[in-house]
Amino acid sequence: MKKNKHIILLLSVIMLLLPLAGRADTKDAISGILVADSAYNAGDYAGAIEIYENVMEMHGVSASSLFNLGNCYVKAGNMGRARLCYEKARRLDPGNKEIENNLAYIASKVNDANVATAGKDKELLAQDVPSFFESVHNSVAVETSSDSWAILAAMAFALLIGAVALYIFSRNVALRKAGFFSSIAFLFFTVVFIALSFVAASEFNSDREGVVTAYRVSLLKTPEAGGKSTGPTLNQGTRLTVEEEQLDSSGEVAWYKVRLNSRVEGWISPSDYELISD
């Protein structure tokens, strides 16, 4: 009996200390961010990058921490890492205007750099114009988060319950009809919003998009070092889509086959390219 009392007392103490541990963890994270902000404001971008990365490693990643880290990389002149941070931040917080604006800035700078190094081949680097269905997919899956669709699904389901209740319990014929037809509409929207939530979640977990992290790189015709180039040199920060992977003997990715557009594709080493989902 005494043993049971000791166990209960120990569990009670642990339950009381858990919130305090959470607060201490939060305080450490805030303290680290403040130190990183100070380093950033002082122009010590390398120091700020190191501190932000340590904070995220210890306390987890958020859209705001990735956004701040991206700003540090921009100031440090590393457009590849900056774009990776902004792309990851957008996945966590779709529709955030600050993130979108910074991504547009990076894309413009990278495009200018690619055009400058392409020379006569600059027309090859133009992005394909998205089709109607690609634009719709981007709006649904990239610019809107899975959580947003899930919230809309929950709201539609709540209205569905209300409409069903109105149909079952109301004695007024007009209200019963309204409840019946409304329940059909809300059921439809509930199913659609749930489906869109899964689509957005699938896009969030997609590992088909990545960014060039090497200063400059040329895509190769074959997956082998020293192979022949397929076209113009690409600068760090260029976003590429994965078409295929080649694994080594240990099952690790040795090469990615990627594409910039319908005219430029080839193989790239993982040392020069990083997936947004990593």
C-alpha atoms as a PDB file:
ATOM      1  CA  MET A   1       0.000   0.000   0.000  1.00  0.00           C
ATOM      2  CA  LYS A   2       2.855   2.365   0.876  1.00  0.00           C
ATOM      3  CA  LYS A   3       4.480   1.565  -2.464  1.00  0.00           C
ATOM      4  CA  ASN A   4       1.322   2.595  -4.298  1.00  0.00           C
ATOM      5  CA  LYS A   5       1.193   5.844  -2.329  1.00  0.00           C
ATOM      6  CA  HIS A   6       4.798   6.609  -3.326  1.00  0.00           C
ATOM      7  CA  ILE A   7       4.018   5.962  -6.992  1.00  0.00           C
ATOM      8  CA  ILE A   8       0.955   8.213  -6.854  1.00  0.00           C
ATOM      9  CA  LEU A   9       2.990  10.956  -5.139  1.00  0.00           C
ATOM     10  CA  LEU A  10       5.773  10.657  -7.754  1.00  0.00           C
ATOM     11  CA  LEU A  11       3.289  10.874 -10.635  1.00  0.00           C
ATOM     12  CA  SER A  12       1.657  13.922  -9.042  1.00  0.00           C
ATOM     13  CA  VAL A  13       5.023  15.680  -8.738  1.00  0.00           C
ATOM     14  CA  ILE A  14       5.844  14.880 -12.380  1.00  0.00           C
ATOM     15  CA  MET A  15       2.484  16.248 -13.554  1.00  0.00           C
ATOM     16  CA  LEU A  16       3.106  19.456 -11.610  1.00  0.00           C
ATOM     17  CA  LEU A  17       6.603  19.875 -13.042  1.00  0.00           C
ATOM     18  CA  LEU A  18       5.696  19.246 -16.696  1.00  0.00           C
ATOM     19  CA  PRO A  19       4.124  22.707 -17.268  1.00  0.00           C
ATOM     20  CA  LEU A  20       7.164  24.314 -15.639  1.00  0.00           C
ATOM     21  CA  ALA A  21       9.471  22.380 -17.924  1.00  0.00           C
ATOM     22  CA  GLY A  22       7.415  23.561 -20.903  1.00  0.00           C
ATOM     23  CA  ARG A  23       7.709  27.159 -19.742  1.00  0.00           C
ATOM     24  CA  ALA A  24      11.476  26.788 -19.286  1.00  0.00           C
ATOM     25  CA  ASP A  25      11.770  25.325 -22.784  1.00  0.00           C
ATOM     26  CA  THR A  26       9.759  28.226 -24.212  1.00  0.00           C
ATOM     27  CA  LYS A  27      11.870  30.757 -22.316  1.00  0.00           C
ATOM     28  CA  ASP A  28      15.060  29.180 -23.711  1.00  0.00           C
ATOM     29  CA  ALA A  29      13.657  29.363 -27.244  1.00  0.00           C
ATOM     30  CA  ILE A  30      12.634  33.017 -26.844  1.00  0.00           C
ATOM     31  CA  SER A  31      16.003  33.841 -25.319  1.00  0.00           C
ATOM     32  CA  GLY A  32      17.811  32.192 -28.228  1.00  0.00           C
ATOM     33  CA  ILE A  33      15.684  34.057 -30.775  1.00  0.00           C
ATOM     34  CA  LEU A  34      16.396  37.379 -29.053  1.00  0.00           C
ATOM     35  CA  VAL A  35      20.131  36.668 -29.190  1.00  0.00           C
ATOM     36  CA  ALA A  36      19.843  35.747 -32.877  1.00  0.00           C
ATOM     37  CA  ASP A  37      17.875  38.944 -33.559  1.00  0.00           C
ATOM     38  CA  SER A  38      20.595  40.985 -31.851  1.00  0.00           C
ATOM     39  CA  ALA A  39      23.283  39.329 -33.974  1.00  0.00           C
ATOM     40  CA  TYR A  40      21.229  40.001 -37.120  1.00  0.00           C
ATOM     41  CA  ASN A  41      20.726  43.672 -36.229  1.00  0.00           C
ATOM     42  CA  ALA A  42      24.459  43.986 -35.522  1.00  0.00           C
ATOM     43  CA  GLY A  43      25.290  42.642 -38.980  1.00  0.00           C
ATOM     44  CA  ASP A  44      26.655  39.327 -37.688  1.00  0.00           C
ATOM     45  CA  TYR A  45      24.638  37.231 -40.142  1.00  0.00           C
ATOM     46  CA  ALA A  46      26.796  34.112 -39.817  1.00  0.00           C
ATOM     47  CA  GLY A  47      26.336  34.215 -36.046  1.00  0.00           C
ATOM     48  CA  ALA A  48      22.586  34.782 -36.376  1.00  0.00           C
ATOM     49  CA  ILE A  49      22.301  31.824 -38.770  1.00  0.00           C
ATOM     50  CA  GLU A  50      24.105  29.533 -36.337  1.00  0.00           C
ATOM     51  CA  ILE A  51      21.918  30.617 -33.409  1.00  0.00           C
ATOM     52  CA  TYR A  52      18.633  30.311 -35.350  1.00  0.00           C
ATOM     53  CA  GLU A  53      19.586  26.819 -36.543  1.00  0.00           C
ATOM     54  CA  ASN A  54      20.504  25.754 -33.000  1.00  0.00           C
ATOM     55  CA  VAL A  55      17.197  27.092 -31.664  1.00  0.00           C
ATOM     56  CA  MET A  56      15.219  25.199 -34.312  1.00  0.00           C
ATOM     57  CA  GLU A  57      17.183  22.015 -33.705  1.00  0.00           C
ATOM     58  CA  MET A  58      16.479  22.181 -29.973  1.00  0.00           C
ATOM     59  CA  HIS A  59      12.962  23.630 -29.897  1.00  0.00           C
ATOM     60  CA  GLY A  60      11.405  22.787 -33.250  1.00  0.00           C
ATOM     61  CA  VAL A  61      10.750  24.546 -36.538  1.00  0.00           C
ATOM     62  CA  SER A  62       8.123  27.221 -37.184  1.00  0.00           C
ATOM     63  CA  ALA A  63       7.232  29.411 -40.151  1.00  0.00           C
ATOM     64  CA  SER A  64       8.488  32.521 -38.348  1.00  0.00           C
ATOM     65  CA  SER A  65      11.846  30.974 -37.402  1.00  0.00           C
ATOM     66  CA  LEU A  66      12.369  29.764 -40.980  1.00  0.00           C
ATOM     67  CA  PHE A  67      11.402  33.196 -42.288  1.00  0.00           C
ATOM     68  CA  ASN A  68      13.944  34.886 -39.997  1.00  0.00           C
ATOM     69  CA  LEU A  69      16.623  32.366 -40.970  1.00  0.00           C
ATOM     70  CA  GLY A  70      15.862  33.032 -44.628  1.00  0.00           C
ATOM     71  CA  ASN A  71      16.366  36.763 -44.036  1.00  0.00           C
ATOM     72  CA  CYS A  72      19.773  36.004 -42.522  1.00  0.00           C
ATOM     73  CA  TYR A  73      20.789  33.949 -45.548  1.00  0.00           C
ATOM     74  CA  VAL A  74      19.684  36.746 -47.886  1.00  0.00           C
ATOM     75  CA  LYS A  75      21.901  39.204 -46.024  1.00  0.00           C
ATOM     76  CA  ALA A  76      24.743  36.670 -46.104  1.00  0.00           C
ATOM     77  CA  GLY A  77      24.348  36.386 -49.882  1.00  0.00           C
ATOM     78  CA  ASN A  78      23.280  32.731 -49.911  1.00  0.00           C
ATOM     79  CA  MET A  79      20.193  32.745 -52.142  1.00  0.00           C
ATOM     80  CA  GLY A  80      19.984  28.947 -52.230  1.00  0.00           C
ATOM     81  CA  ARG A  81      19.589  28.525 -48.474  1.00  0.00           C
ATOM     82  CA  ALA A  82      17.388  31.614 -48.296  1.00  0.00           C
ATOM     83  CA  ARG A  83      14.962  30.212 -50.844  1.00  0.00           C
ATOM     84  CA  LEU A  84      14.907  26.836 -49.091  1.00  0.00           C
ATOM     85  CA  CYS A  85      13.932  28.543 -45.832  1.00  0.00           C
ATOM     86  CA  TYR A  86      11.204  30.637 -47.463  1.00  0.00           C
ATOM     87  CA  GLU A  87       9.824  27.641 -49.378  1.00  0.00           C
ATOM     88  CA  LYS A  88       9.654  25.593 -46.167  1.00  0.00           C
ATOM     89  CA  ALA A  89       8.078  28.518 -44.316  1.00  0.00           C
ATOM     90  CA  ARG A  90       5.408  28.837 -47.019  1.00  0.00           C
ATOM     91  CA  ARG A  91       4.509  25.181 -46.601  1.00  0.00           C
ATOM     92  CA  LEU A  92       3.910  25.819 -42.896  1.00  0.00           C
ATOM     93  CA  ASP A  93       2.073  29.105 -43.450  1.00  0.00           C
ATOM     94  CA  PRO A  94       0.521  29.253 -46.948  1.00  0.00           C
ATOM     95  CA  GLY A  95      -0.776  32.649 -47.976  1.00  0.00           C
ATOM     96  CA  ASN A  96       1.566  34.613 -45.704  1.00  0.00           C
ATOM     97  CA  LYS A  97       2.211  37.831 -47.663  1.00  0.00           C
ATOM     98  CA  GLU A  98       5.665  38.498 -46.184  1.00  0.00           C
ATOM     99  CA  ILE A  99       6.855  35.024 -47.120  1.00  0.00           C
ATOM    100  CA  GLU A 100       5.329  35.335 -50.603  1.00  0.00           C
ATOM    101  CA  ASN A 101       6.962  38.737 -51.146  1.00  0.00           C
ATOM    102  CA  ASN A 102      10.392  37.473 -50.096  1.00  0.00           C
ATOM    103  CA  LEU A 103      10.031  34.401 -52.296  1.00  0.00           C
ATOM    104  CA  ALA A 104       9.137  36.636 -55.247  1.00  0.00           C
ATOM    105  CA  TYR A 105      12.225  38.762 -54.512  1.00  0.00           C
ATOM    106  CA  ILE A 106      14.478  35.678 -54.411  1.00  0.00           C
ATOM    107  CA  ALA A 107      12.942  34.253 -57.597  1.00  0.00           C
ATOM    108  CA  SER A 108      13.553  37.551 -59.395  1.00  0.00           C
ATOM    109  CA  LYS A 109      17.194  37.730 -58.250  1.00  0.00           C
ATOM    110  CA  VAL A 110      17.861  34.113 -59.193  1.00  0.00           C
ATOM    111  CA  ASN A 111      16.226  34.552 -62.601  1.00  0.00           C
ATOM    112  CA  ASP A 112      18.348  37.646 -63.275  1.00  0.00           C
ATOM    113  CA  ALA A 113      21.490  35.708 -62.318  1.00  0.00           C
ATOM    114  CA  ASN A 114      20.528  32.793 -64.576  1.00  0.00           C
ATOM    115  CA  VAL A 115      19.835  35.091 -67.518  1.00  0.00           C
ATOM    116  CA  ALA A 116      23.153  36.880 -66.983  1.00  0.00           C
ATOM    117  CA  THR A 117      25.119  33.605 -67.122  1.00  0.00           C
ATOM    118  CA  ALA A 118      23.044  32.015 -69.910  1.00  0.00           C
ATOM    119  CA  GLY A 119      24.059  34.381 -72.682  1.00  0.00           C
ATOM    120  CA  LYS A 120      22.469  33.286 -75.954  1.00  0.00           C
ATOM    121  CA  ASP A 121      20.665  30.442 -74.157  1.00  0.00           C
ATOM    122  CA  LYS A 122      18.620  32.721 -71.886  1.00  0.00           C
ATOM    123  CA  GLU A 123      15.356  31.854 -73.642  1.00  0.00           C
ATOM    124  CA  LEU A 124      15.809  28.252 -72.510  1.00  0.00           C
ATOM    125  CA  LEU A 125      15.447  29.363 -68.878  1.00  0.00           C
ATOM    126  CA  ALA A 126      11.985  30.897 -69.205  1.00  0.00           C
ATOM    127  CA  GLN A 127       9.447  29.213 -66.937  1.00  0.00           C
ATOM    128  CA  ASP A 128       6.612  27.301 -68.565  1.00  0.00           C
ATOM    129  CA  VAL A 129       3.262  29.082 -68.387  1.00  0.00           C
ATOM    130  CA  PRO A 130       1.119  27.040 -65.969  1.00  0.00           C
ATOM    131  CA  SER A 131      -2.003  25.462 -67.411  1.00  0.00           C
ATOM    132  CA  PHE A 132      -5.451  26.200 -66.016  1.00  0.00           C
ATOM    133  CA  PHE A 133      -5.404  22.974 -63.999  1.00  0.00           C
ATOM    134  CA  GLU A 134      -1.904  23.669 -62.653  1.00  0.00           C
ATOM    135  CA  SER A 135      -3.040  27.135 -61.548  1.00  0.00           C
ATOM    136  CA  VAL A 136      -6.080  25.635 -59.800  1.00  0.00           C
ATOM    137  CA  HIS A 137      -3.886  23.004 -58.124  1.00  0.00           C
ATOM    138  CA  ASN A 138      -1.461  25.663 -56.872  1.00  0.00           C
ATOM    139  CA  SER A 139      -4.334  27.726 -55.482  1.00  0.00           C
ATOM    140  CA  VAL A 140      -5.847  24.714 -53.718  1.00  0.00           C
ATOM    141  CA  ALA A 141      -2.767  22.825 -52.540  1.00  0.00           C
ATOM    142  CA  VAL A 142       0.058  25.371 -52.274  1.00  0.00           C
ATOM    143  CA  GLU A 143      -1.558  28.683 -51.381  1.00  0.00           C
ATOM    144  CA  THR A 144      -4.077  27.155 -48.930  1.00  0.00           C
ATOM    145  CA  SER A 145      -3.038  24.928 -46.033  1.00  0.00           C
ATOM    146  CA  SER A 146      -4.495  21.537 -45.171  1.00  0.00           C
ATOM    147  CA  ASP A 147      -5.557  22.928 -41.786  1.00  0.00           C
ATOM    148  CA  SER A 148      -7.585  25.690 -43.457  1.00  0.00           C
ATOM    149  CA  TRP A 149      -9.509  23.157 -45.547  1.00  0.00           C
ATOM    150  CA  ALA A 150     -10.008  20.972 -42.457  1.00  0.00           C
ATOM    151  CA  ILE A 151     -11.478  23.919 -40.536  1.00  0.00           C
ATOM    152  CA  LEU A 152     -13.876  24.635 -43.397  1.00  0.00           C
ATOM    153  CA  ALA A 153     -14.839  20.936 -43.442  1.00  0.00           C
ATOM    154  CA  ALA A 154     -15.554  21.040 -39.692  1.00  0.00           C
ATOM    155  CA  MET A 155     -17.701  24.168 -40.126  1.00  0.00           C
ATOM    156  CA  ALA A 156     -19.636  22.580 -43.004  1.00  0.00           C
ATOM    157  CA  PHE A 157     -20.169  19.430 -40.929  1.00  0.00           C
ATOM    158  CA  ALA A 158     -21.493  21.469 -37.997  1.00  0.00           C
ATOM    159  CA  LEU A 159     -23.942  23.197 -40.335  1.00  0.00           C
ATOM    160  CA  LEU A 160     -24.883  19.767 -41.709  1.00  0.00           C
ATOM    161  CA  ILE A 161     -25.790  18.593 -38.209  1.00  0.00           C
ATOM    162  CA  GLY A 162     -27.865  21.738 -37.696  1.00  0.00           C
ATOM    163  CA  ALA A 163     -29.674  21.247 -41.017  1.00  0.00           C
ATOM    164  CA  VAL A 164     -30.435  17.591 -40.203  1.00  0.00           C
ATOM    165  CA  ALA A 165     -31.750  18.594 -36.780  1.00  0.00           C
ATOM    166  CA  LEU A 166     -33.960  21.235 -38.397  1.00  0.00           C
ATOM    167  CA  TYR A 167     -35.364  18.626 -40.784  1.00  0.00           C
ATOM    168  CA  ILE A 168     -36.015  16.049 -38.029  1.00  0.00           C
ATOM    169  CA  PHE A 169     -37.401  18.227 -35.265  1.00  0.00           C
ATOM    170  CA  SER A 170     -39.154  21.077 -37.061  1.00  0.00           C
ATOM    171  CA  ARG A 171     -42.929  20.831 -37.571  1.00  0.00           C
ATOM    172  CA  ASN A 172     -42.984  23.578 -40.158  1.00  0.00           C
ATOM    173  CA  VAL A 173     -43.037  22.134 -43.688  1.00  0.00           C
ATOM    174  CA  ALA A 174     -41.044  25.010 -45.186  1.00  0.00           C
ATOM    175  CA  LEU A 175     -38.349  24.694 -42.516  1.00  0.00           C
ATOM    176  CA  ARG A 176     -38.195  20.915 -42.989  1.00  0.00           C
ATOM    177  CA  LYS A 177     -37.661  21.407 -46.727  1.00  0.00           C
ATOM    178  CA  ALA A 178     -34.986  24.006 -46.038  1.00  0.00           C
ATOM    179  CA  GLY A 179     -33.287  21.642 -43.602  1.00  0.00           C
ATOM    180  CA  PHE A 180     -33.427  18.743 -46.094  1.00  0.00           C
ATOM    181  CA  PHE A 181     -31.922  20.597 -49.050  1.00  0.00           C
ATOM    182  CA  SER A 182     -29.424  22.440 -46.852  1.00  0.00           C
ATOM    183  CA  SER A 183     -28.200  19.145 -45.394  1.00  0.00           C
ATOM    184  CA  ILE A 184     -27.499  17.857 -48.914  1.00  0.00           C
ATOM    185  CA  ALA A 185     -25.527  21.010 -49.755  1.00  0.00           C
ATOM    186  CA  PHE A 186     -23.541  20.960 -46.489  1.00  0.00           C
ATOM    187  CA  LEU A 187     -22.790  17.236 -46.933  1.00  0.00           C
ATOM    188  CA  PHE A 188     -21.400  18.020 -50.391  1.00  0.00           C
ATOM    189  CA  PHE A 189     -19.207  20.849 -49.066  1.00  0.00           C
ATOM    190  CA  THR A 190     -18.002  18.701 -46.153  1.00  0.00           C
ATOM    191  CA  VAL A 191     -16.824  15.959 -48.517  1.00  0.00           C
ATOM    192  CA  VAL A 192     -15.204  18.471 -50.908  1.00  0.00           C
ATOM    193  CA  PHE A 193     -13.347  20.304 -48.126  1.00  0.00           C
ATOM    194  CA  ILE A 194     -12.089  17.016 -46.662  1.00  0.00           C
ATOM    195  CA  ALA A 195     -10.827  15.962 -50.103  1.00  0.00           C
ATOM    196  CA  LEU A 196      -9.082  19.318 -50.585  1.00  0.00           C
ATOM    197  CA  SER A 197      -7.513  18.971 -47.137  1.00  0.00           C
ATOM    198  CA  PHE A 198      -5.963  15.652 -48.198  1.00  0.00           C
ATOM    199  CA  VAL A 199      -4.745  17.194 -51.466  1.00  0.00           C
ATOM    200  CA  ALA A 200      -3.063  20.066 -49.590  1.00  0.00           C
ATOM    201  CA  ALA A 201      -1.543  17.630 -47.068  1.00  0.00           C
ATOM    202  CA  SER A 202      -0.151  15.536 -49.924  1.00  0.00           C
ATOM    203  CA  GLU A 203       1.425  18.644 -51.467  1.00  0.00           C
ATOM    204  CA  PHE A 204       2.886  19.613 -48.067  1.00  0.00           C
ATOM    205  CA  ASN A 205       4.610  16.212 -47.837  1.00  0.00           C
ATOM    206  CA  SER A 206       5.684  16.203 -51.480  1.00  0.00           C
ATOM    207  CA  ASP A 207       9.367  15.525 -52.082  1.00  0.00           C
ATOM    208  CA  ARG A 208       9.312  16.443 -55.778  1.00  0.00           C
ATOM    209  CA  GLU A 209      10.499  20.043 -55.397  1.00  0.00           C
ATOM    210  CA  GLY A 210      13.949  21.259 -54.443  1.00  0.00           C
ATOM    211  CA  VAL A 211      16.446  24.106 -54.728  1.00  0.00           C
ATOM    212  CA  VAL A 212      19.961  24.371 -56.133  1.00  0.00           C
ATOM    213  CA  THR A 213      22.301  24.988 -53.175  1.00  0.00           C
ATOM    214  CA  ALA A 214      25.609  24.978 -55.077  1.00  0.00           C
ATOM    215  CA  TYR A 215      26.906  28.381 -56.182  1.00  0.00           C
ATOM    216  CA  ARG A 216      26.581  27.369 -59.844  1.00  0.00           C
ATOM    217  CA  VAL A 217      25.804  24.033 -61.425  1.00  0.00           C
ATOM    218  CA  SER A 218      25.111  22.502 -64.835  1.00  0.00           C
ATOM    219  CA  LEU A 219      22.634  19.672 -65.270  1.00  0.00           C
ATOM    220  CA  LEU A 220      24.185  16.532 -66.755  1.00  0.00           C
ATOM    221  CA  LYS A 221      22.915  14.263 -69.525  1.00  0.00           C
ATOM    222  CA  THR A 222      23.882  11.145 -67.580  1.00  0.00           C
ATOM    223  CA  PRO A 223      24.052  10.450 -63.817  1.00  0.00           C
ATOM    224  CA  GLU A 224      27.825  10.398 -63.540  1.00  0.00           C
ATOM    225  CA  ALA A 225      30.465  12.865 -62.416  1.00  0.00           C
ATOM    226  CA  GLY A 226      32.116  14.722 -65.267  1.00  0.00           C
ATOM    227  CA  GLY A 227      29.254  14.004 -67.643  1.00  0.00           C
ATOM    228  CA  LYS A 228      28.255  16.290 -70.491  1.00  0.00           C
ATOM    229  CA  SER A 229      26.139  19.336 -69.669  1.00  0.00           C
ATOM    230  CA  THR A 230      22.583  19.568 -71.004  1.00  0.00           C
ATOM    231  CA  GLY A 231      22.368  23.351 -71.179  1.00  0.00           C
ATOM    232  CA  PRO A 232      23.093  26.671 -69.456  1.00  0.00           C
ATOM    233  CA  THR A 233      24.543  27.028 -65.975  1.00  0.00           C
ATOM    234  CA  LEU A 234      22.032  27.419 -63.137  1.00  0.00           C
ATOM    235  CA  ASN A 235      22.690  29.596 -60.086  1.00  0.00           C
ATOM    236  CA  GLN A 236      21.975  28.792 -56.458  1.00  0.00           C
ATOM    237  CA  GLY A 237      18.360  29.345 -55.525  1.00  0.00           C
ATOM    238  CA  THR A 238      16.971  27.885 -58.765  1.00  0.00           C
ATOM    239  CA  ARG A 239      13.907  25.766 -58.039  1.00  0.00           C
ATOM    240  CA  LEU A 240      13.785  22.407 -59.854  1.00  0.00           C
ATOM    241  CA  THR A 241      11.286  19.553 -59.975  1.00  0.00           C
ATOM    242  CA  VAL A 242      12.413  15.961 -59.385  1.00  0.00           C
ATOM    243  CA  GLU A 243      11.532  13.574 -62.210  1.00  0.00           C
ATOM    244  CA  GLU A 244      13.539  10.529 -61.166  1.00  0.00           C
ATOM    245  CA  GLU A 245      16.025   9.286 -58.563  1.00  0.00           C
ATOM    246  CA  GLN A 246      19.033   6.999 -58.880  1.00  0.00           C
ATOM    247  CA  LEU A 247      20.059   5.159 -55.718  1.00  0.00           C
ATOM    248  CA  ASP A 248      23.499   3.895 -54.748  1.00  0.00           C
ATOM    249  CA  SER A 249      24.296   0.443 -53.386  1.00  0.00           C
ATOM    250  CA  SER A 250      23.281   1.453 -49.851  1.00  0.00           C
ATOM    251  CA  GLY A 251      19.873   2.725 -50.958  1.00  0.00           C
ATOM    252  CA  GLU A 252      20.757   6.416 -50.659  1.00  0.00           C
ATOM    253  CA  VAL A 253      19.972   8.893 -53.424  1.00  0.00           C
ATOM    254  CA  ALA A 254      23.081   9.319 -55.567  1.00  0.00           C
ATOM    255  CA  TRP A 255      21.533  11.435 -58.337  1.00  0.00           C
ATOM    256  CA  TYR A 256      18.337  13.351 -59.017  1.00  0.00           C
ATOM    257  CA  LYS A 257      16.918  13.793 -62.494  1.00  0.00           C
ATOM    258  CA  VAL A 258      15.354  17.256 -62.406  1.00  0.00           C
ATOM    259  CA  ARG A 259      13.669  19.716 -64.732  1.00  0.00           C
ATOM    260  CA  LEU A 260      13.501  23.485 -64.844  1.00  0.00           C
ATOM    261  CA  ASN A 261      10.965  23.592 -67.666  1.00  0.00           C
ATOM    262  CA  SER A 262       9.985  21.564 -70.734  1.00  0.00           C
ATOM    263  CA  ARG A 263      13.320  22.463 -72.402  1.00  0.00           C
ATOM    264  CA  VAL A 264      15.865  22.114 -69.580  1.00  0.00           C
ATOM    265  CA  GLU A 265      16.283  18.897 -67.608  1.00  0.00           C
ATOM    266  CA  GLY A 266      19.128  16.662 -66.497  1.00  0.00           C
ATOM    267  CA  TRP A 267      20.878  15.010 -63.581  1.00  0.00           C
ATOM    268  CA  ILE A 268      22.187  16.730 -60.457  1.00  0.00           C
ATOM    269  CA  SER A 269      24.057  15.511 -57.375  1.00  0.00           C
ATOM    270  CA  PRO A 270      22.395  15.746 -53.917  1.00  0.00           C
ATOM    271  CA  SER A 271      25.455  17.709 -52.805  1.00  0.00           C
ATOM    272  CA  ASP A 272      24.333  20.517 -55.135  1.00  0.00           C
ATOM    273  CA  TYR A 273      20.593  20.244 -54.573  1.00  0.00           C
ATOM    274  CA  GLU A 274      18.262  19.927 -51.571  1.00  0.00           C
ATOM    275  CA  LEU A 275      14.613  18.932 -51.373  1.00  0.00           C
ATOM    276  CA  ILE A 276      12.220  21.412 -49.771  1.00  0.00           C
ATOM    277  CA  SER A 277      10.697  18.569 -47.758  1.00  0.00           C
ATOM    278  CA  ASP A 278      14.014  17.668 -46.059  1.00  0.00           C
END
